[in-house]
Amino acid sequence: LMINGGWFTSNHDQNIFVKAGAYRDRIEIFEYDTKSFTIIDGPRLEIPPFNIKGSGKNRMAAFPIETKYGHRDISIQDRYIYDLYSGFSELDYRKDGDLAKTIYVLTRKGDVTAKFNLDKSVKSIAVDESKGKIYAISTDEETGIIVFDIPKKLLSNWG
């Protein structure tokens, strides 16, 4: 029923696969080498309200337009997982253009090591830890690429 549906990405060099919920705040990390799963729930712990639409094999979970999105994108790097988190609804996006302004930096065990509050709304990210940069696609009417610096203090702590 897609209650846990969302984004799926991998880092083949690290043999890590991550699924992040679009509506439910759940991240599932699978490490192929150890055949282990790590499941992270939050920051919201509840399952958002939904209705079941369709019938038979065409049934799906339909979320109200005011339901806030959870995770919007994931970037898996050598040491950390970068989670673009929303907390905005489709209604917010249509009204103000706000989709996601928060990035959580997680270990593979799900521990939050940093949180970035962005000054611009974005819809996807790519991370280059070696350059200390987060590249993002803006949600502005004139969609473009925004570059954010990863604070040097955090980079030095990660070395």
C-alpha atoms as a PDB file:
ATOM      1  CA  LEU A   1       0.000   0.000   0.000  1.00  0.00           C
ATOM      2  CA  MET A   2       2.998   2.372  -0.186  1.00  0.00           C
ATOM      3  CA  ILE A   3       2.664   3.667   3.372  1.00  0.00           C
ATOM      4  CA  ASN A   4       6.433   3.236   3.606  1.00  0.00           C
ATOM      5  CA  GLY A   5       7.016   4.302  -0.017  1.00  0.00           C
ATOM      6  CA  GLY A   6       9.635   6.870  -0.803  1.00  0.00           C
ATOM      7  CA  TRP A   7      13.166   7.235  -2.094  1.00  0.00           C
ATOM      8  CA  PHE A   8      15.623   4.426  -2.739  1.00  0.00           C
ATOM      9  CA  THR A   9      19.319   4.925  -3.383  1.00  0.00           C
ATOM     10  CA  SER A  10      22.569   3.047  -3.010  1.00  0.00           C
ATOM     11  CA  ASN A  11      26.320   3.422  -2.787  1.00  0.00           C
ATOM     12  CA  HIS A  12      27.642   0.411  -4.670  1.00  0.00           C
ATOM     13  CA  ASP A  13      31.241   1.066  -3.598  1.00  0.00           C
ATOM     14  CA  GLN A  14      30.146   0.767   0.038  1.00  0.00           C
ATOM     15  CA  ASN A  15      27.467  -1.923  -0.578  1.00  0.00           C
ATOM     16  CA  ILE A  16      24.887   0.216   1.240  1.00  0.00           C
ATOM     17  CA  PHE A  17      21.248   0.578   0.201  1.00  0.00           C
ATOM     18  CA  VAL A  18      18.849   3.106   1.745  1.00  0.00           C
ATOM     19  CA  LYS A  19      15.104   3.574   1.513  1.00  0.00           C
ATOM     20  CA  ALA A  20      13.614   6.748   2.992  1.00  0.00           C
ATOM     21  CA  GLY A  21       9.880   7.275   3.500  1.00  0.00           C
ATOM     22  CA  ALA A  22       8.211  10.141   1.666  1.00  0.00           C
ATOM     23  CA  TYR A  23       5.290  10.383   4.103  1.00  0.00           C
ATOM     24  CA  ARG A  24       6.257   8.167   7.022  1.00  0.00           C
ATOM     25  CA  ASP A  25       9.435   9.223   8.825  1.00  0.00           C
ATOM     26  CA  ARG A  26      11.318   5.967   8.410  1.00  0.00           C
ATOM     27  CA  ILE A  27      14.755   5.244   6.977  1.00  0.00           C
ATOM     28  CA  GLU A  28      15.831   1.673   6.279  1.00  0.00           C
ATOM     29  CA  ILE A  29      19.556   1.054   5.792  1.00  0.00           C
ATOM     30  CA  PHE A  30      20.742  -2.283   4.405  1.00  0.00           C
ATOM     31  CA  GLU A  31      24.437  -3.155   4.573  1.00  0.00           C
ATOM     32  CA  TYR A  32      25.047  -5.933   2.074  1.00  0.00           C
ATOM     33  CA  ASP A  33      28.407  -7.032   3.517  1.00  0.00           C
ATOM     34  CA  THR A  34      26.923  -7.792   6.934  1.00  0.00           C
ATOM     35  CA  LYS A  35      23.415  -8.582   5.639  1.00  0.00           C
ATOM     36  CA  SER A  36      22.068  -6.282   8.346  1.00  0.00           C
ATOM     37  CA  PHE A  37      19.247  -3.757   8.451  1.00  0.00           C
ATOM     38  CA  THR A  38      19.115  -0.594  10.515  1.00  0.00           C
ATOM     39  CA  ILE A  39      15.707   1.065  10.808  1.00  0.00           C
ATOM     40  CA  ILE A  40      15.411   4.661  11.985  1.00  0.00           C
ATOM     41  CA  ASP A  41      12.015   6.098  12.866  1.00  0.00           C
ATOM     42  CA  GLY A  42      11.554   9.818  13.323  1.00  0.00           C
ATOM     43  CA  PRO A  43      11.572  12.650  13.859  1.00  0.00           C
ATOM     44  CA  ARG A  44       7.787  12.098  13.657  1.00  0.00           C
ATOM     45  CA  LEU A  45       6.865   8.689  15.046  1.00  0.00           C
ATOM     46  CA  GLU A  46       3.228   8.446  13.986  1.00  0.00           C
ATOM     47  CA  ILE A  47       1.939   7.093  10.698  1.00  0.00           C
ATOM     48  CA  PRO A  48       0.194   9.996   8.955  1.00  0.00           C
ATOM     49  CA  PRO A  49      -3.524   9.658   8.229  1.00  0.00           C
ATOM     50  CA  PHE A  50      -4.444   8.191   4.851  1.00  0.00           C
ATOM     51  CA  ASN A  51      -7.341   6.699   2.926  1.00  0.00           C
ATOM     52  CA  ILE A  52      -7.286   3.587   0.794  1.00  0.00           C
ATOM     53  CA  LYS A  53      -8.230   4.324  -2.807  1.00  0.00           C
ATOM     54  CA  GLY A  54      -8.900   1.920  -5.652  1.00  0.00           C
ATOM     55  CA  SER A  55      -9.645  -1.768  -5.494  1.00  0.00           C
ATOM     56  CA  GLY A  56      -7.923  -5.106  -5.937  1.00  0.00           C
ATOM     57  CA  LYS A  57      -4.356  -4.770  -7.200  1.00  0.00           C
ATOM     58  CA  ASN A  58      -4.926  -1.063  -7.830  1.00  0.00           C
ATOM     59  CA  ARG A  59      -5.353  -0.171  -4.152  1.00  0.00           C
ATOM     60  CA  MET A  60      -3.125   2.582  -2.812  1.00  0.00           C
ATOM     61  CA  ALA A  61      -2.659   4.792   0.203  1.00  0.00           C
ATOM     62  CA  ALA A  62      -3.842   8.333  -0.504  1.00  0.00           C
ATOM     63  CA  PHE A  63      -2.564  11.028   1.818  1.00  0.00           C
ATOM     64  CA  PRO A  64      -4.416  14.344   2.297  1.00  0.00           C
ATOM     65  CA  ILE A  65      -2.791  17.363   0.635  1.00  0.00           C
ATOM     66  CA  GLU A  66      -2.008  18.901   4.028  1.00  0.00           C
ATOM     67  CA  THR A  67       0.035  15.837   5.105  1.00  0.00           C
ATOM     68  CA  LYS A  68       3.629  16.853   5.671  1.00  0.00           C
ATOM     69  CA  TYR A  69       6.296  15.081   3.665  1.00  0.00           C
ATOM     70  CA  GLY A  70       9.055  13.253   5.498  1.00  0.00           C
ATOM     71  CA  HIS A  71      12.287  12.423   3.710  1.00  0.00           C
ATOM     72  CA  ARG A  72      12.789  13.973   0.256  1.00  0.00           C
ATOM     73  CA  ASP A  73      16.198  12.713  -0.862  1.00  0.00           C
ATOM     74  CA  ILE A  74      19.181  10.699   0.354  1.00  0.00           C
ATOM     75  CA  SER A  75      22.886  10.904  -0.494  1.00  0.00           C
ATOM     76  CA  ILE A  76      25.147   8.093   0.730  1.00  0.00           C
ATOM     77  CA  GLN A  77      28.781   9.077   1.054  1.00  0.00           C
ATOM     78  CA  ASP A  78      31.874   7.199   2.276  1.00  0.00           C
ATOM     79  CA  ARG A  79      31.224   7.819   5.975  1.00  0.00           C
ATOM     80  CA  TYR A  80      27.813   9.457   6.280  1.00  0.00           C
ATOM     81  CA  ILE A  81      24.288   9.453   4.938  1.00  0.00           C
ATOM     82  CA  TYR A  82      22.795  12.851   4.111  1.00  0.00           C
ATOM     83  CA  ASP A  83      19.016  12.976   4.536  1.00  0.00           C
ATOM     84  CA  LEU A  84      17.079  15.855   2.965  1.00  0.00           C
ATOM     85  CA  TYR A  85      14.062  16.202   5.240  1.00  0.00           C
ATOM     86  CA  SER A  86      10.911  18.145   4.425  1.00  0.00           C
ATOM     87  CA  GLY A  87       8.351  18.758   7.165  1.00  0.00           C
ATOM     88  CA  PHE A  88       6.287  20.696   4.578  1.00  0.00           C
ATOM     89  CA  SER A  89       3.102  19.576   2.834  1.00  0.00           C
ATOM     90  CA  GLU A  90       2.111  19.699  -0.829  1.00  0.00           C
ATOM     91  CA  LEU A  91      -0.166  22.569   0.217  1.00  0.00           C
ATOM     92  CA  ASP A  92       2.869  24.461   1.626  1.00  0.00           C
ATOM     93  CA  TYR A  93       4.778  23.812  -1.584  1.00  0.00           C
ATOM     94  CA  ARG A  94       1.969  25.124  -3.784  1.00  0.00           C
ATOM     95  CA  LYS A  95       1.458  28.173  -1.572  1.00  0.00           C
ATOM     96  CA  ASP A  96       5.028  29.217  -0.646  1.00  0.00           C
ATOM     97  CA  GLY A  97       7.323  26.980  -2.713  1.00  0.00           C
ATOM     98  CA  ASP A  98       8.704  25.337   0.449  1.00  0.00           C
ATOM     99  CA  LEU A  99       9.536  21.661   0.053  1.00  0.00           C
ATOM    100  CA  ALA A 100      12.631  20.892   2.160  1.00  0.00           C
ATOM    101  CA  LYS A 101      15.028  23.027   4.214  1.00  0.00           C
ATOM    102  CA  THR A 102      16.683  20.530   6.561  1.00  0.00           C
ATOM    103  CA  ILE A 103      19.534  18.076   6.071  1.00  0.00           C
ATOM    104  CA  TYR A 104      20.332  15.463   8.706  1.00  0.00           C
ATOM    105  CA  VAL A 105      23.763  13.835   8.644  1.00  0.00           C
ATOM    106  CA  LEU A 106      23.548  10.234   9.863  1.00  0.00           C
ATOM    107  CA  THR A 107      25.937   7.416  10.593  1.00  0.00           C
ATOM    108  CA  ARG A 108      25.138   4.034   9.096  1.00  0.00           C
ATOM    109  CA  LYS A 109      23.781   3.021  12.481  1.00  0.00           C
ATOM    110  CA  GLY A 110      21.280   5.891  12.358  1.00  0.00           C
ATOM    111  CA  ASP A 111      22.908   8.299  14.802  1.00  0.00           C
ATOM    112  CA  VAL A 112      22.418  11.961  13.886  1.00  0.00           C
ATOM    113  CA  THR A 113      25.817  13.680  13.851  1.00  0.00           C
ATOM    114  CA  ALA A 114      24.717  17.030  12.417  1.00  0.00           C
ATOM    115  CA  LYS A 115      21.670  18.974  11.280  1.00  0.00           C
ATOM    116  CA  PHE A 116      21.782  21.715   8.654  1.00  0.00           C
ATOM    117  CA  ASN A 117      18.966  24.261   8.411  1.00  0.00           C
ATOM    118  CA  LEU A 118      19.011  25.650   4.887  1.00  0.00           C
ATOM    119  CA  ASP A 119      18.000  29.206   4.049  1.00  0.00           C
ATOM    120  CA  LYS A 120      16.478  28.117   0.714  1.00  0.00           C
ATOM    121  CA  SER A 121      13.997  25.399  -0.165  1.00  0.00           C
ATOM    122  CA  VAL A 122      15.373  22.530  -2.267  1.00  0.00           C
ATOM    123  CA  LYS A 123      14.054  19.326  -3.826  1.00  0.00           C
ATOM    124  CA  SER A 124      17.155  17.159  -4.159  1.00  0.00           C
ATOM    125  CA  ILE A 125      20.783  17.018  -3.050  1.00  0.00           C
ATOM    126  CA  ALA A 126      24.170  15.682  -4.065  1.00  0.00           C
ATOM    127  CA  VAL A 127      27.095  15.745  -1.634  1.00  0.00           C
ATOM    128  CA  ASP A 128      30.844  15.990  -2.186  1.00  0.00           C
ATOM    129  CA  GLU A 129      32.470  15.537   1.221  1.00  0.00           C
ATOM    130  CA  SER A 130      35.991  15.900  -0.230  1.00  0.00           C
ATOM    131  CA  LYS A 131      35.126  19.434  -1.397  1.00  0.00           C
ATOM    132  CA  GLY A 132      32.919  20.172   1.614  1.00  0.00           C
ATOM    133  CA  LYS A 133      29.929  20.965  -0.596  1.00  0.00           C
ATOM    134  CA  ILE A 134      26.256  20.102  -0.772  1.00  0.00           C
ATOM    135  CA  TYR A 135      24.720  20.727  -4.190  1.00  0.00           C
ATOM    136  CA  ALA A 136      20.954  21.150  -4.322  1.00  0.00           C
ATOM    137  CA  ILE A 137      18.191  21.814  -6.851  1.00  0.00           C
ATOM    138  CA  SER A 138      16.121  24.792  -5.726  1.00  0.00           C
ATOM    139  CA  THR A 139      12.335  24.956  -5.708  1.00  0.00           C
ATOM    140  CA  ASP A 140      12.329  28.569  -6.935  1.00  0.00           C
ATOM    141  CA  GLU A 141      10.355  29.462 -10.050  1.00  0.00           C
ATOM    142  CA  GLU A 142      13.731  29.893 -11.759  1.00  0.00           C
ATOM    143  CA  THR A 143      14.964  26.441 -10.721  1.00  0.00           C
ATOM    144  CA  GLY A 144      18.704  26.319 -10.336  1.00  0.00           C
ATOM    145  CA  ILE A 145      21.573  24.712  -8.502  1.00  0.00           C
ATOM    146  CA  ILE A 146      22.446  26.040  -5.059  1.00  0.00           C
ATOM    147  CA  VAL A 147      25.765  25.215  -3.398  1.00  0.00           C
ATOM    148  CA  PHE A 148      25.978  24.991   0.394  1.00  0.00           C
ATOM    149  CA  ASP A 149      29.234  24.691   2.330  1.00  0.00           C
ATOM    150  CA  ILE A 150      29.534  21.934   4.901  1.00  0.00           C
ATOM    151  CA  PRO A 151      30.890  23.758   7.980  1.00  0.00           C
ATOM    152  CA  LYS A 152      34.668  23.285   8.223  1.00  0.00           C
ATOM    153  CA  LYS A 153      34.365  22.470  11.928  1.00  0.00           C
ATOM    154  CA  LEU A 154      32.202  19.470  11.084  1.00  0.00           C
ATOM    155  CA  LEU A 155      34.498  18.357   8.273  1.00  0.00           C
ATOM    156  CA  SER A 156      37.524  18.431  10.585  1.00  0.00           C
ATOM    157  CA  ASN A 157      35.637  16.364  13.175  1.00  0.00           C
ATOM    158  CA  TRP A 158      34.790  13.764  10.531  1.00  0.00           C
ATOM    159  CA  GLY A 159      38.330  13.248   9.269  1.00  0.00           C
END
